[in-house]
Amino acid sequence: MKSVSLCRVVLTVILGVFFLLPGGCSSSDYEQPGETAAEGRRRHLRNARINQGELMADIDKFMLSDRPSKLTDKRIP
């Protein structure tokens, strides 16, 4: 019983270190040398949109919904 609670504490600490630390995505994190904050934000949003589209395409391929249906469009009595 103690090992389960110890594992939960360790997992919580690890997740806290990686995901809950301050200093995440501020506006200065988007900028590269030679581009404005708005350009960096647009680049960041474009990359996120492309990654999301590729993830959805992979999920569709896994669920076999990327192929046309072989069902007939005619009503059969």
PDB file of N, CA and C in Angstrom:
ATOM      1  N   MET A   1       0.817  -1.191   0.000  1.00  0.00           N
ATOM      2  CA  MET A   1       0.000   0.000   0.000  1.00  0.00           C
ATOM      3  C   MET A   1       0.863   1.259   0.000  1.00  0.00           C
ATOM      4  N   LYS A   2       2.003   1.206   0.737  1.00  0.00           N
ATOM      5  CA  LYS A   2       2.877   2.372   0.765  1.00  0.00           C
ATOM      6  C   LYS A   2       3.539   2.607  -0.581  1.00  0.00           C
ATOM      7  N   SER A   3       3.844   1.523  -1.309  1.00  0.00           N
ATOM      8  CA  SER A   3       4.508   1.693  -2.606  1.00  0.00           C
ATOM      9  C   SER A   3       3.596   2.385  -3.609  1.00  0.00           C
ATOM     10  N   VAL A   4       2.296   2.144  -3.521  1.00  0.00           N
ATOM     11  CA  VAL A   4       1.359   2.805  -4.434  1.00  0.00           C
ATOM     12  C   VAL A   4       1.326   4.297  -4.149  1.00  0.00           C
ATOM     13  N   SER A   5       1.261   4.681  -2.892  1.00  0.00           N
ATOM     14  CA  SER A   5       1.216   6.099  -2.569  1.00  0.00           C
ATOM     15  C   SER A   5       2.550   6.767  -2.876  1.00  0.00           C
ATOM     16  N   LEU A   6       3.659   6.055  -2.698  1.00  0.00           N
ATOM     17  CA  LEU A   6       4.969   6.602  -3.023  1.00  0.00           C
ATOM     18  C   LEU A   6       5.087   6.821  -4.529  1.00  0.00           C
ATOM     19  N   CYS A   7       4.568   5.878  -5.318  1.00  0.00           N
ATOM     20  CA  CYS A   7       4.585   6.037  -6.776  1.00  0.00           C
ATOM     21  C   CYS A   7       3.760   7.244  -7.206  1.00  0.00           C
ATOM     22  N   ARG A   8       2.632   7.458  -6.561  1.00  0.00           N
ATOM     23  CA  ARG A   8       1.802   8.618  -6.897  1.00  0.00           C
ATOM     24  C   ARG A   8       2.515   9.921  -6.571  1.00  0.00           C
ATOM     25  N   VAL A   9       3.213   9.946  -5.439  1.00  0.00           N
ATOM     26  CA  VAL A   9       3.939  11.157  -5.051  1.00  0.00           C
ATOM     27  C   VAL A   9       5.059  11.431  -6.052  1.00  0.00           C
ATOM     28  N   VAL A  10       5.806  10.404  -6.408  1.00  0.00           N
ATOM     29  CA  VAL A  10       6.904  10.578  -7.366  1.00  0.00           C
ATOM     30  C   VAL A  10       6.367  11.025  -8.714  1.00  0.00           C
ATOM     31  N   LEU A  11       5.285  10.417  -9.174  1.00  0.00           N
ATOM     32  CA  LEU A  11       4.682  10.805 -10.450  1.00  0.00           C
ATOM     33  C   LEU A  11       4.189  12.249 -10.415  1.00  0.00           C
ATOM     34  N   THR A  12       3.579  12.641  -9.312  1.00  0.00           N
ATOM     35  CA  THR A  12       3.098  14.015  -9.178  1.00  0.00           C
ATOM     36  C   THR A  12       4.252  15.014  -9.216  1.00  0.00           C
ATOM     37  N   VAL A  13       5.346  14.689  -8.551  1.00  0.00           N
ATOM     38  CA  VAL A  13       6.506  15.581  -8.550  1.00  0.00           C
ATOM     39  C   VAL A  13       7.097  15.686  -9.956  1.00  0.00           C
ATOM     40  N   ILE A  14       7.217  14.560 -10.645  1.00  0.00           N
ATOM     41  CA  ILE A  14       7.779  14.582 -12.008  1.00  0.00           C
ATOM     42  C   ILE A  14       6.896  15.396 -12.939  1.00  0.00           C
ATOM     43  N   LEU A  15       5.589  15.186 -12.866  1.00  0.00           N
ATOM     44  CA  LEU A  15       4.677  15.959 -13.721  1.00  0.00           C
ATOM     45  C   LEU A  15       4.715  17.434 -13.361  1.00  0.00           C
ATOM     46  N   GLY A  16       4.824  17.741 -12.090  1.00  0.00           N
ATOM     47  CA  GLY A  16       4.903  19.133 -11.667  1.00  0.00           C
ATOM     48  C   GLY A  16       6.145  19.808 -12.195  1.00  0.00           C
ATOM     49  N   VAL A  17       7.256  19.095 -12.199  1.00  0.00           N
ATOM     50  CA  VAL A  17       8.507  19.669 -12.690  1.00  0.00           C
ATOM     51  C   VAL A  17       8.412  19.979 -14.177  1.00  0.00           C
ATOM     52  N   PHE A  18       7.836  19.073 -14.947  1.00  0.00           N
ATOM     53  CA  PHE A  18       7.814  19.255 -16.395  1.00  0.00           C
ATOM     54  C   PHE A  18       6.685  20.147 -16.894  1.00  0.00           C
ATOM     55  N   PHE A  19       5.523  20.125 -16.241  1.00  0.00           N
ATOM     56  CA  PHE A  19       4.363  20.805 -16.804  1.00  0.00           C
ATOM     57  C   PHE A  19       3.895  22.026 -16.025  1.00  0.00           C
ATOM     58  N   LEU A  20       4.239  22.137 -14.790  1.00  0.00           N
ATOM     59  CA  LEU A  20       3.671  23.206 -13.983  1.00  0.00           C
ATOM     60  C   LEU A  20       4.664  24.284 -13.598  1.00  0.00           C
ATOM     61  N   LEU A  21       5.871  24.208 -14.092  1.00  0.00           N
ATOM     62  CA  LEU A  21       6.842  25.235 -13.770  1.00  0.00           C
ATOM     63  C   LEU A  21       6.488  26.535 -14.479  1.00  0.00           C
ATOM     64  N   PRO A  22       6.685  27.656 -13.806  1.00  0.00           N
ATOM     65  CA  PRO A  22       6.418  28.939 -14.480  1.00  0.00           C
ATOM     66  C   PRO A  22       7.444  29.198 -15.574  1.00  0.00           C
ATOM     67  N   GLY A  23       7.095  30.125 -16.453  1.00  0.00           N
ATOM     68  CA  GLY A  23       7.999  30.466 -17.543  1.00  0.00           C
ATOM     69  C   GLY A  23       7.685  29.711 -18.813  1.00  0.00           C
ATOM     70  N   GLY A  24       6.437  29.459 -19.046  1.00  0.00           N
ATOM     71  CA  GLY A  24       6.027  28.720 -20.240  1.00  0.00           C
ATOM     72  C   GLY A  24       6.132  29.575 -21.476  1.00  0.00           C
ATOM     73  N   CYS A  25       5.095  29.601 -22.269  1.00  0.00           N
ATOM     74  CA  CYS A  25       5.105  30.318 -23.538  1.00  0.00           C
ATOM     75  C   CYS A  25       4.704  31.768 -23.325  1.00  0.00           C
ATOM     76  N   SER A  26       5.661  32.614 -23.162  1.00  0.00           N
ATOM     77  CA  SER A  26       5.367  34.045 -23.121  1.00  0.00           C
ATOM     78  C   SER A  26       5.587  34.612 -24.513  1.00  0.00           C
ATOM     79  N   SER A  27       5.260  35.868 -24.695  1.00  0.00           N
ATOM     80  CA  SER A  27       5.367  36.432 -26.037  1.00  0.00           C
ATOM     81  C   SER A  27       6.817  36.495 -26.506  1.00  0.00           C
ATOM     82  N   SER A  28       7.782  36.596 -25.579  1.00  0.00           N
ATOM     83  CA  SER A  28       9.183  36.661 -26.001  1.00  0.00           C
ATOM     84  C   SER A  28       9.699  35.299 -26.442  1.00  0.00           C
ATOM     85  N   ASP A  29       9.002  34.205 -26.086  1.00  0.00           N
ATOM     86  CA  ASP A  29       9.440  32.879 -26.494  1.00  0.00           C
ATOM     87  C   ASP A  29       9.199  32.627 -27.974  1.00  0.00           C
ATOM     88  N   TYR A  30       8.310  33.378 -28.589  1.00  0.00           N
ATOM     89  CA  TYR A  30       7.989  33.161 -29.994  1.00  0.00           C
ATOM     90  C   TYR A  30       9.019  33.786 -30.921  1.00  0.00           C
ATOM     91  N   GLU A  31       9.699  34.781 -30.466  1.00  0.00           N
ATOM     92  CA  GLU A  31      10.555  35.573 -31.341  1.00  0.00           C
ATOM     93  C   GLU A  31      11.851  34.851 -31.681  1.00  0.00           C
ATOM     94  N   GLN A  32      12.255  35.008 -32.918  1.00  0.00           N
ATOM     95  CA  GLN A  32      13.573  34.592 -33.382  1.00  0.00           C
ATOM     96  C   GLN A  32      14.305  35.873 -33.755  1.00  0.00           C
ATOM     97  N   PRO A  33      15.612  35.836 -33.842  1.00  0.00           N
ATOM     98  CA  PRO A  33      16.328  37.044 -34.267  1.00  0.00           C
ATOM     99  C   PRO A  33      15.874  37.477 -35.663  1.00  0.00           C
ATOM    100  N   GLY A  34      15.517  38.731 -35.790  1.00  0.00           N
ATOM    101  CA  GLY A  34      15.114  39.264 -37.084  1.00  0.00           C
ATOM    102  C   GLY A  34      13.627  39.195 -37.357  1.00  0.00           C
ATOM    103  N   GLU A  35      12.809  38.764 -36.396  1.00  0.00           N
ATOM    104  CA  GLU A  35      11.361  38.754 -36.615  1.00  0.00           C
ATOM    105  C   GLU A  35      10.664  39.352 -35.405  1.00  0.00           C
ATOM    106  N   THR A  36       9.510  39.912 -35.662  1.00  0.00           N
ATOM    107  CA  THR A  36       8.748  40.539 -34.585  1.00  0.00           C
ATOM    108  C   THR A  36       8.004  39.472 -33.787  1.00  0.00           C
ATOM    109  N   ALA A  37       7.441  39.898 -32.661  1.00  0.00           N
ATOM    110  CA  ALA A  37       6.680  38.963 -31.822  1.00  0.00           C
ATOM    111  C   ALA A  37       5.449  38.460 -32.565  1.00  0.00           C
ATOM    112  N   ALA A  38       4.815  39.329 -33.373  1.00  0.00           N
ATOM    113  CA  ALA A  38       3.629  38.912 -34.131  1.00  0.00           C
ATOM    114  C   ALA A  38       3.991  37.856 -35.172  1.00  0.00           C
ATOM    115  N   GLU A  39       5.129  38.039 -35.850  1.00  0.00           N
ATOM    116  CA  GLU A  39       5.562  37.036 -36.827  1.00  0.00           C
ATOM    117  C   GLU A  39       5.889  35.713 -36.148  1.00  0.00           C
ATOM    118  N   GLY A  40       6.531  35.770 -35.003  1.00  0.00           N
ATOM    119  CA  GLY A  40       6.847  34.553 -34.260  1.00  0.00           C
ATOM    120  C   GLY A  40       5.593  33.838 -33.798  1.00  0.00           C
ATOM    121  N   ARG A  41       4.601  34.606 -33.342  1.00  0.00           N
ATOM    122  CA  ARG A  41       3.330  34.013 -32.900  1.00  0.00           C
ATOM    123  C   ARG A  41       2.613  33.346 -34.068  1.00  0.00           C
ATOM    124  N   ARG A  42       2.614  34.015 -35.242  1.00  0.00           N
ATOM    125  CA  ARG A  42       1.990  33.415 -36.433  1.00  0.00           C
ATOM    126  C   ARG A  42       2.698  32.128 -36.840  1.00  0.00           C
ATOM    127  N   ARG A  43       4.035  32.135 -36.783  1.00  0.00           N
ATOM    128  CA  ARG A  43       4.795  30.933 -37.119  1.00  0.00           C
ATOM    129  C   ARG A  43       4.462  29.804 -36.142  1.00  0.00           C
ATOM    130  N   HIS A  44       4.387  30.146 -34.872  1.00  0.00           N
ATOM    131  CA  HIS A  44       4.063  29.148 -33.854  1.00  0.00           C
ATOM    132  C   HIS A  44       2.654  28.580 -34.064  1.00  0.00           C
ATOM    133  N   LEU A  45       1.680  29.433 -34.330  1.00  0.00           N
ATOM    134  CA  LEU A  45       0.307  28.969 -34.561  1.00  0.00           C
ATOM    135  C   LEU A  45       0.201  28.137 -35.834  1.00  0.00           C
ATOM    136  N   ARG A  46       0.957  28.527 -36.872  1.00  0.00           N
ATOM    137  CA  ARG A  46       0.948  27.755 -38.124  1.00  0.00           C
ATOM    138  C   ARG A  46       1.502  26.353 -37.894  1.00  0.00           C
ATOM    139  N   ASN A  47       2.604  26.251 -37.145  1.00  0.00           N
ATOM    140  CA  ASN A  47       3.180  24.941 -36.852  1.00  0.00           C
ATOM    141  C   ASN A  47       2.214  24.093 -36.034  1.00  0.00           C
ATOM    142  N   ALA A  48       1.544  24.706 -35.062  1.00  0.00           N
ATOM    143  CA  ALA A  48       0.577  23.960 -34.245  1.00  0.00           C
ATOM    144  C   ALA A  48      -0.585  23.477 -35.105  1.00  0.00           C
ATOM    145  N   ARG A  49      -1.054  24.321 -36.045  1.00  0.00           N
ATOM    146  CA  ARG A  49      -2.167  23.945 -36.929  1.00  0.00           C
ATOM    147  C   ARG A  49      -1.758  22.796 -37.858  1.00  0.00           C
ATOM    148  N   ILE A  50      -0.550  22.856 -38.403  1.00  0.00           N
ATOM    149  CA  ILE A  50      -0.061  21.790 -39.282  1.00  0.00           C
ATOM    150  C   ILE A  50       0.083  20.488 -38.501  1.00  0.00           C
ATOM    151  N   ASN A  51       0.648  20.560 -37.293  1.00  0.00           N
ATOM    152  CA  ASN A  51       0.817  19.357 -36.477  1.00  0.00           C
ATOM    153  C   ASN A  51      -0.528  18.745 -36.116  1.00  0.00           C
ATOM    154  N   GLN A  52      -1.513  19.584 -35.813  1.00  0.00           N
ATOM    155  CA  GLN A  52      -2.834  19.067 -35.479  1.00  0.00           C
ATOM    156  C   GLN A  52      -3.467  18.392 -36.698  1.00  0.00           C
ATOM    157  N   GLY A  53      -3.306  18.977 -37.878  1.00  0.00           N
ATOM    158  CA  GLY A  53      -3.840  18.371 -39.093  1.00  0.00           C
ATOM    159  C   GLY A  53      -3.191  17.025 -39.394  1.00  0.00           C
ATOM    160  N   GLU A  54      -1.870  16.943 -39.198  1.00  0.00           N
ATOM    161  CA  GLU A  54      -1.185  15.674 -39.433  1.00  0.00           C
ATOM    162  C   GLU A  54      -1.608  14.623 -38.412  1.00  0.00           C
ATOM    163  N   LEU A  55      -1.820  15.035 -37.163  1.00  0.00           N
ATOM    164  CA  LEU A  55      -2.294  14.102 -36.150  1.00  0.00           C
ATOM    165  C   LEU A  55      -3.678  13.582 -36.499  1.00  0.00           C
ATOM    166  N   MET A  56      -4.568  14.462 -36.958  1.00  0.00           N
ATOM    167  CA  MET A  56      -5.914  14.025 -37.340  1.00  0.00           C
ATOM    168  C   MET A  56      -5.858  13.091 -38.553  1.00  0.00           C
ATOM    169  N   ALA A  57      -4.951  13.346 -39.501  1.00  0.00           N
ATOM    170  CA  ALA A  57      -4.805  12.452 -40.645  1.00  0.00           C
ATOM    171  C   ALA A  57      -4.320  11.077 -40.193  1.00  0.00           C
ATOM    172  N   ASP A  58      -3.397  11.042 -39.238  1.00  0.00           N
ATOM    173  CA  ASP A  58      -2.922   9.757 -38.717  1.00  0.00           C
ATOM    174  C   ASP A  58      -4.037   9.010 -37.992  1.00  0.00           C
ATOM    175  N   ILE A  59      -4.847   9.727 -37.227  1.00  0.00           N
ATOM    176  CA  ILE A  59      -5.958   9.090 -36.519  1.00  0.00           C
ATOM    177  C   ILE A  59      -6.978   8.562 -37.522  1.00  0.00           C
ATOM    178  N   ASP A  60      -7.281   9.337 -38.565  1.00  0.00           N
ATOM    179  CA  ASP A  60      -8.217   8.877 -39.596  1.00  0.00           C
ATOM    180  C   ASP A  60      -7.691   7.622 -40.292  1.00  0.00           C
ATOM    181  N   LYS A  61      -6.395   7.595 -40.561  1.00  0.00           N
ATOM    182  CA  LYS A  61      -5.818   6.413 -41.210  1.00  0.00           C
ATOM    183  C   LYS A  61      -5.909   5.206 -40.290  1.00  0.00           C
ATOM    184  N   PHE A  62      -5.644   5.401 -38.995  1.00  0.00           N
ATOM    185  CA  PHE A  62      -5.730   4.307 -38.038  1.00  0.00           C
ATOM    186  C   PHE A  62      -7.161   3.791 -37.908  1.00  0.00           C
ATOM    187  N   MET A  63      -8.147   4.703 -37.932  1.00  0.00           N
ATOM    188  CA  MET A  63      -9.550   4.320 -37.787  1.00  0.00           C
ATOM    189  C   MET A  63     -10.167   3.892 -39.122  1.00  0.00           C
ATOM    190  N   LEU A  64      -9.367   3.890 -40.194  1.00  0.00           N
ATOM    191  CA  LEU A  64      -9.792   3.504 -41.548  1.00  0.00           C
ATOM    192  C   LEU A  64     -10.914   4.389 -42.084  1.00  0.00           C
ATOM    193  N   SER A  65     -10.941   5.632 -41.660  1.00  0.00           N
ATOM    194  CA  SER A  65     -11.956   6.548 -42.181  1.00  0.00           C
ATOM    195  C   SER A  65     -11.385   7.449 -43.277  1.00  0.00           C
ATOM    196  N   ASP A  66     -10.173   7.180 -43.717  1.00  0.00           N
ATOM    197  CA  ASP A  66      -9.587   7.964 -44.799  1.00  0.00           C
ATOM    198  C   ASP A  66      -9.880   7.366 -46.169  1.00  0.00           C
ATOM    199  N   ARG A  67     -10.500   6.195 -46.191  1.00  0.00           N
ATOM    200  CA  ARG A  67     -10.833   5.525 -47.444  1.00  0.00           C
ATOM    201  C   ARG A  67     -12.302   5.732 -47.784  1.00  0.00           C
ATOM    202  N   PRO A  68     -12.642   5.719 -49.062  1.00  0.00           N
ATOM    203  CA  PRO A  68     -14.055   5.842 -49.413  1.00  0.00           C
ATOM    204  C   PRO A  68     -14.816   4.586 -48.990  1.00  0.00           C
ATOM    205  N   SER A  69     -16.070   4.772 -48.679  1.00  0.00           N
ATOM    206  CA  SER A  69     -16.907   3.650 -48.272  1.00  0.00           C
ATOM    207  C   SER A  69     -17.225   2.772 -49.469  1.00  0.00           C
ATOM    208  N   LYS A  70     -17.259   1.475 -49.266  1.00  0.00           N
ATOM    209  CA  LYS A  70     -17.613   0.552 -50.347  1.00  0.00           C
ATOM    210  C   LYS A  70     -19.080   0.182 -50.285  1.00  0.00           C
ATOM    211  N   LEU A  71     -19.826   0.874 -49.441  1.00  0.00           N
ATOM    212  CA  LEU A  71     -21.252   0.630 -49.348  1.00  0.00           C
ATOM    213  C   LEU A  71     -21.955   1.254 -50.540  1.00  0.00           C
ATOM    214  N   THR A  72     -23.049   0.685 -50.939  1.00  0.00           N
ATOM    215  CA  THR A  72     -23.786   1.207 -52.090  1.00  0.00           C
ATOM    216  C   THR A  72     -24.608   2.418 -51.681  1.00  0.00           C
ATOM    217  N   ASP A  73     -24.807   3.309 -52.629  1.00  0.00           N
ATOM    218  CA  ASP A  73     -25.659   4.455 -52.361  1.00  0.00           C
ATOM    219  C   ASP A  73     -27.104   4.191 -52.798  1.00  0.00           C
ATOM    220  N   LYS A  74     -27.346   3.018 -53.341  1.00  0.00           N
ATOM    221  CA  LYS A  74     -28.711   2.643 -53.766  1.00  0.00           C
ATOM    222  C   LYS A  74     -29.443   2.000 -52.597  1.00  0.00           C
ATOM    223  N   ARG A  75     -30.729   2.249 -52.522  1.00  0.00           N
ATOM    224  CA  ARG A  75     -31.564   1.609 -51.484  1.00  0.00           C
ATOM    225  C   ARG A  75     -31.980   0.238 -51.972  1.00  0.00           C
ATOM    226  N   ILE A  76     -31.758  -0.744 -51.177  1.00  0.00           N
ATOM    227  CA  ILE A  76     -32.140  -2.108 -51.508  1.00  0.00           C
ATOM    228  C   ILE A  76     -33.314  -2.488 -50.613  1.00  0.00           C
ATOM    229  N   PRO A  77     -34.453  -2.914 -51.244  1.00  0.00           N
ATOM    230  CA  PRO A  77     -35.622  -3.228 -50.405  1.00  0.00           C
ATOM    231  C   PRO A  77     -35.442  -4.481 -49.578  1.00  0.00           C
TER     232      PRO A  77
END
